[in-house]
Amino acid sequence: MPVSADPFSFSEPVPPVLPRARGWIRPRLYIGEHIAVGPGKIDLLRQVDQTRSISAAARALGMQYKKAWLLLDSLNKGFGRPVVVTTAGGRGGGGAALTELGQALIIRYGALETRINQTAQQELSALYALADE
């Protein structure tokens, strides 16, 4: 993805949250010793992208701002570069936007999630059938 001069403008849209079918798998990934990426962090990144605000994203997910900030900070520290850029508040208001890394995390996680679920449908159906017996 090309870098934009405007941190709030990207050439490729972030994919929407995928519909949750019965038996949907949401993986948690451990990348090395210092990076954990799972559905909570991905949903937070998606909300930041939609709302352009960490506090609004936290509210939308029913979490405290501090928790949201700590989750994003853990990604920043783990990857050694930011997943979200922020601008200070004031007259024009502050804001937040995904970096290329933040967008790439959403895109790659979404692709992995889709592939896992496409591959696992037979097993998921069998497991859910056990609950219906």
C-alpha atoms as a PDB file:
ATOM      1  CA  MET A   1       0.000   0.000   0.000  1.00  0.00           C
ATOM      2  CA  PRO A   2       1.371   3.415  -0.821  1.00  0.00           C
ATOM      3  CA  VAL A   3       1.939   5.799   2.060  1.00  0.00           C
ATOM      4  CA  SER A   4      -0.289   8.841   2.046  1.00  0.00           C
ATOM      5  CA  ALA A   5       0.796  12.290   3.228  1.00  0.00           C
ATOM      6  CA  ASP A   6      -2.497  12.435   5.139  1.00  0.00           C
ATOM      7  CA  PRO A   7      -2.429   9.869   7.987  1.00  0.00           C
ATOM      8  CA  PHE A   8      -6.230   9.620   7.805  1.00  0.00           C
ATOM      9  CA  SER A   9      -6.358   8.683   4.124  1.00  0.00           C
ATOM     10  CA  PHE A  10      -5.461   5.314   2.616  1.00  0.00           C
ATOM     11  CA  SER A  11      -5.750   4.024  -0.908  1.00  0.00           C
ATOM     12  CA  GLU A  12      -7.234   0.639   0.068  1.00  0.00           C
ATOM     13  CA  PRO A  13     -10.282   0.303   2.297  1.00  0.00           C
ATOM     14  CA  VAL A  14     -10.090  -1.978   5.311  1.00  0.00           C
ATOM     15  CA  PRO A  15     -12.434  -4.944   4.868  1.00  0.00           C
ATOM     16  CA  PRO A  16     -15.559  -4.936   7.037  1.00  0.00           C
ATOM     17  CA  VAL A  17     -16.031  -7.301   9.950  1.00  0.00           C
ATOM     18  CA  LEU A  18     -16.861 -10.705   8.535  1.00  0.00           C
ATOM     19  CA  PRO A  19     -20.297 -12.181   9.267  1.00  0.00           C
ATOM     20  CA  ARG A  20     -20.238 -14.745  12.042  1.00  0.00           C
ATOM     21  CA  ALA A  21     -21.721 -17.982  10.790  1.00  0.00           C
ATOM     22  CA  ARG A  22     -22.640 -20.760  13.181  1.00  0.00           C
ATOM     23  CA  GLY A  23     -19.378 -22.339  14.202  1.00  0.00           C
ATOM     24  CA  TRP A  24     -17.109 -19.462  13.225  1.00  0.00           C
ATOM     25  CA  ILE A  25     -13.479 -19.735  14.429  1.00  0.00           C
ATOM     26  CA  ARG A  26     -11.612 -16.592  15.542  1.00  0.00           C
ATOM     27  CA  PRO A  27      -7.928 -17.470  15.970  1.00  0.00           C
ATOM     28  CA  ARG A  28      -5.434 -16.042  18.438  1.00  0.00           C
ATOM     29  CA  LEU A  29      -1.924 -15.836  17.011  1.00  0.00           C
ATOM     30  CA  TYR A  30       1.371 -15.677  18.819  1.00  0.00           C
ATOM     31  CA  ILE A  31       4.070 -14.185  16.634  1.00  0.00           C
ATOM     32  CA  GLY A  32       7.378 -14.667  18.357  1.00  0.00           C
ATOM     33  CA  GLU A  33       7.567 -14.040  22.090  1.00  0.00           C
ATOM     34  CA  HIS A  34       6.146 -10.523  22.219  1.00  0.00           C
ATOM     35  CA  ILE A  35       3.196 -10.317  19.841  1.00  0.00           C
ATOM     36  CA  ALA A  36      -0.284 -11.711  20.460  1.00  0.00           C
ATOM     37  CA  VAL A  37      -3.008 -10.911  17.931  1.00  0.00           C
ATOM     38  CA  GLY A  38      -6.557 -12.107  18.333  1.00  0.00           C
ATOM     39  CA  PRO A  39     -10.165 -11.158  17.731  1.00  0.00           C
ATOM     40  CA  GLY A  40     -10.268  -8.461  20.412  1.00  0.00           C
ATOM     41  CA  LYS A  41      -7.339  -6.491  19.057  1.00  0.00           C
ATOM     42  CA  ILE A  42      -8.506  -6.940  15.472  1.00  0.00           C
ATOM     43  CA  ASP A  43     -12.026  -5.747  16.351  1.00  0.00           C
ATOM     44  CA  LEU A  44     -10.484  -2.752  18.122  1.00  0.00           C
ATOM     45  CA  LEU A  45      -8.402  -1.895  15.050  1.00  0.00           C
ATOM     46  CA  ARG A  46     -11.514  -2.188  12.859  1.00  0.00           C
ATOM     47  CA  GLN A  47     -13.443   0.145  15.165  1.00  0.00           C
ATOM     48  CA  VAL A  48     -10.604   2.686  15.222  1.00  0.00           C
ATOM     49  CA  ASP A  49     -10.654   2.638  11.434  1.00  0.00           C
ATOM     50  CA  GLN A  50     -14.432   3.170  11.353  1.00  0.00           C
ATOM     51  CA  THR A  51     -14.680   5.802  14.100  1.00  0.00           C
ATOM     52  CA  ARG A  52     -11.306   7.535  13.656  1.00  0.00           C
ATOM     53  CA  SER A  53     -11.103   7.597  17.459  1.00  0.00           C
ATOM     54  CA  ILE A  54      -9.645   5.295  20.114  1.00  0.00           C
ATOM     55  CA  SER A  55     -12.199   6.421  22.707  1.00  0.00           C
ATOM     56  CA  ALA A  56     -15.143   5.953  20.304  1.00  0.00           C
ATOM     57  CA  ALA A  57     -13.784   2.544  19.294  1.00  0.00           C
ATOM     58  CA  ALA A  58     -13.513   1.539  22.955  1.00  0.00           C
ATOM     59  CA  ARG A  59     -17.085   2.696  23.639  1.00  0.00           C
ATOM     60  CA  ALA A  60     -18.379   0.770  20.612  1.00  0.00           C
ATOM     61  CA  LEU A  61     -16.774  -2.392  21.981  1.00  0.00           C
ATOM     62  CA  GLY A  62     -17.878  -1.789  25.574  1.00  0.00           C
ATOM     63  CA  MET A  63     -14.375  -1.398  26.963  1.00  0.00           C
ATOM     64  CA  GLN A  64     -12.617   1.314  28.894  1.00  0.00           C
ATOM     65  CA  TYR A  65     -10.370   3.724  27.002  1.00  0.00           C
ATOM     66  CA  LYS A  66      -7.353   2.686  29.065  1.00  0.00           C
ATOM     67  CA  LYS A  67      -7.802  -0.977  28.126  1.00  0.00           C
ATOM     68  CA  ALA A  68      -8.105  -0.054  24.435  1.00  0.00           C
ATOM     69  CA  TRP A  69      -5.001   2.101  24.652  1.00  0.00           C
ATOM     70  CA  LEU A  70      -3.055  -0.701  26.394  1.00  0.00           C
ATOM     71  CA  LEU A  71      -4.097  -3.231  23.726  1.00  0.00           C
ATOM     72  CA  LEU A  72      -2.942  -0.928  20.935  1.00  0.00           C
ATOM     73  CA  ASP A  73       0.256  -0.114  22.827  1.00  0.00           C
ATOM     74  CA  SER A  74       1.022  -3.830  23.183  1.00  0.00           C
ATOM     75  CA  LEU A  75       0.823  -4.159  19.397  1.00  0.00           C
ATOM     76  CA  ASN A  76       2.990  -1.052  18.902  1.00  0.00           C
ATOM     77  CA  LYS A  77       5.642  -2.413  21.267  1.00  0.00           C
ATOM     78  CA  GLY A  78       5.469  -5.958  19.917  1.00  0.00           C
ATOM     79  CA  PHE A  79       5.917  -4.895  16.298  1.00  0.00           C
ATOM     80  CA  GLY A  80       8.306  -2.079  17.156  1.00  0.00           C
ATOM     81  CA  ARG A  81       6.243   0.448  15.197  1.00  0.00           C
ATOM     82  CA  PRO A  82       2.755   1.927  15.501  1.00  0.00           C
ATOM     83  CA  VAL A  83      -0.475   0.314  14.331  1.00  0.00           C
ATOM     84  CA  VAL A  84      -2.425   3.542  14.946  1.00  0.00           C
ATOM     85  CA  VAL A  85      -1.414   7.201  14.623  1.00  0.00           C
ATOM     86  CA  THR A  86      -3.148   9.880  16.659  1.00  0.00           C
ATOM     87  CA  THR A  87      -3.499  13.619  16.475  1.00  0.00           C
ATOM     88  CA  ALA A  88      -3.988  15.791  19.534  1.00  0.00           C
ATOM     89  CA  GLY A  89      -7.395  17.237  20.326  1.00  0.00           C
ATOM     90  CA  GLY A  90      -8.144  20.905  20.354  1.00  0.00           C
ATOM     91  CA  ARG A  91     -10.186  23.211  18.188  1.00  0.00           C
ATOM     92  CA  GLY A  92     -10.437  20.831  15.261  1.00  0.00           C
ATOM     93  CA  GLY A  93     -10.627  17.783  17.499  1.00  0.00           C
ATOM     94  CA  GLY A  94      -8.206  14.922  17.695  1.00  0.00           C
ATOM     95  CA  GLY A  95      -8.343  11.662  15.904  1.00  0.00           C
ATOM     96  CA  ALA A  96      -6.797   8.310  15.208  1.00  0.00           C
ATOM     97  CA  ALA A  97      -6.078   6.365  12.048  1.00  0.00           C
ATOM     98  CA  LEU A  98      -4.586   3.019  11.195  1.00  0.00           C
ATOM     99  CA  THR A  99      -1.064   2.916   9.874  1.00  0.00           C
ATOM    100  CA  GLU A 100      -0.199   0.632   6.980  1.00  0.00           C
ATOM    101  CA  LEU A 101       0.786  -1.954   9.593  1.00  0.00           C
ATOM    102  CA  GLY A 102      -2.621  -1.648  11.287  1.00  0.00           C
ATOM    103  CA  GLN A 103      -4.400  -2.074   7.972  1.00  0.00           C
ATOM    104  CA  ALA A 104      -2.192  -5.019   7.025  1.00  0.00           C
ATOM    105  CA  LEU A 105      -2.979  -6.732  10.341  1.00  0.00           C
ATOM    106  CA  ILE A 106      -6.711  -6.479   9.680  1.00  0.00           C
ATOM    107  CA  ILE A 107      -6.399  -7.665   6.084  1.00  0.00           C
ATOM    108  CA  ARG A 108      -4.077 -10.586   6.853  1.00  0.00           C
ATOM    109  CA  TYR A 109      -6.001 -11.666   9.969  1.00  0.00           C
ATOM    110  CA  GLY A 110      -9.264 -11.531   8.010  1.00  0.00           C
ATOM    111  CA  ALA A 111      -7.790 -13.641   5.222  1.00  0.00           C
ATOM    112  CA  LEU A 112      -6.486 -16.191   7.734  1.00  0.00           C
ATOM    113  CA  GLU A 113      -9.821 -16.263   9.559  1.00  0.00           C
ATOM    114  CA  THR A 114     -11.697 -16.841   6.295  1.00  0.00           C
ATOM    115  CA  ARG A 115      -9.335 -19.588   5.136  1.00  0.00           C
ATOM    116  CA  ILE A 116      -9.475 -21.401   8.497  1.00  0.00           C
ATOM    117  CA  ASN A 117     -13.260 -21.277   8.498  1.00  0.00           C
ATOM    118  CA  GLN A 118     -13.611 -22.442   4.897  1.00  0.00           C
ATOM    119  CA  THR A 119     -11.338 -25.388   5.612  1.00  0.00           C
ATOM    120  CA  ALA A 120     -12.965 -26.301   8.931  1.00  0.00           C
ATOM    121  CA  GLN A 121     -16.668 -26.229   7.961  1.00  0.00           C
ATOM    122  CA  GLN A 122     -17.093 -30.029   7.946  1.00  0.00           C
ATOM    123  CA  GLU A 123     -15.569 -30.380  11.398  1.00  0.00           C
ATOM    124  CA  LEU A 124     -17.485 -27.390  12.752  1.00  0.00           C
ATOM    125  CA  SER A 125     -20.782 -28.783  11.463  1.00  0.00           C
ATOM    126  CA  ALA A 126     -20.019 -32.132  13.119  1.00  0.00           C
ATOM    127  CA  LEU A 127     -19.227 -30.431  16.430  1.00  0.00           C
ATOM    128  CA  TYR A 128     -22.415 -28.384  16.324  1.00  0.00           C
ATOM    129  CA  ALA A 129     -24.407 -31.505  15.457  1.00  0.00           C
ATOM    130  CA  LEU A 130     -23.211 -32.964  18.766  1.00  0.00           C
ATOM    131  CA  ALA A 131     -24.868 -30.059  20.565  1.00  0.00           C
ATOM    132  CA  ASP A 132     -28.125 -30.616  18.674  1.00  0.00           C
ATOM    133  CA  GLU A 133     -28.413 -34.290  19.702  1.00  0.00           C
END
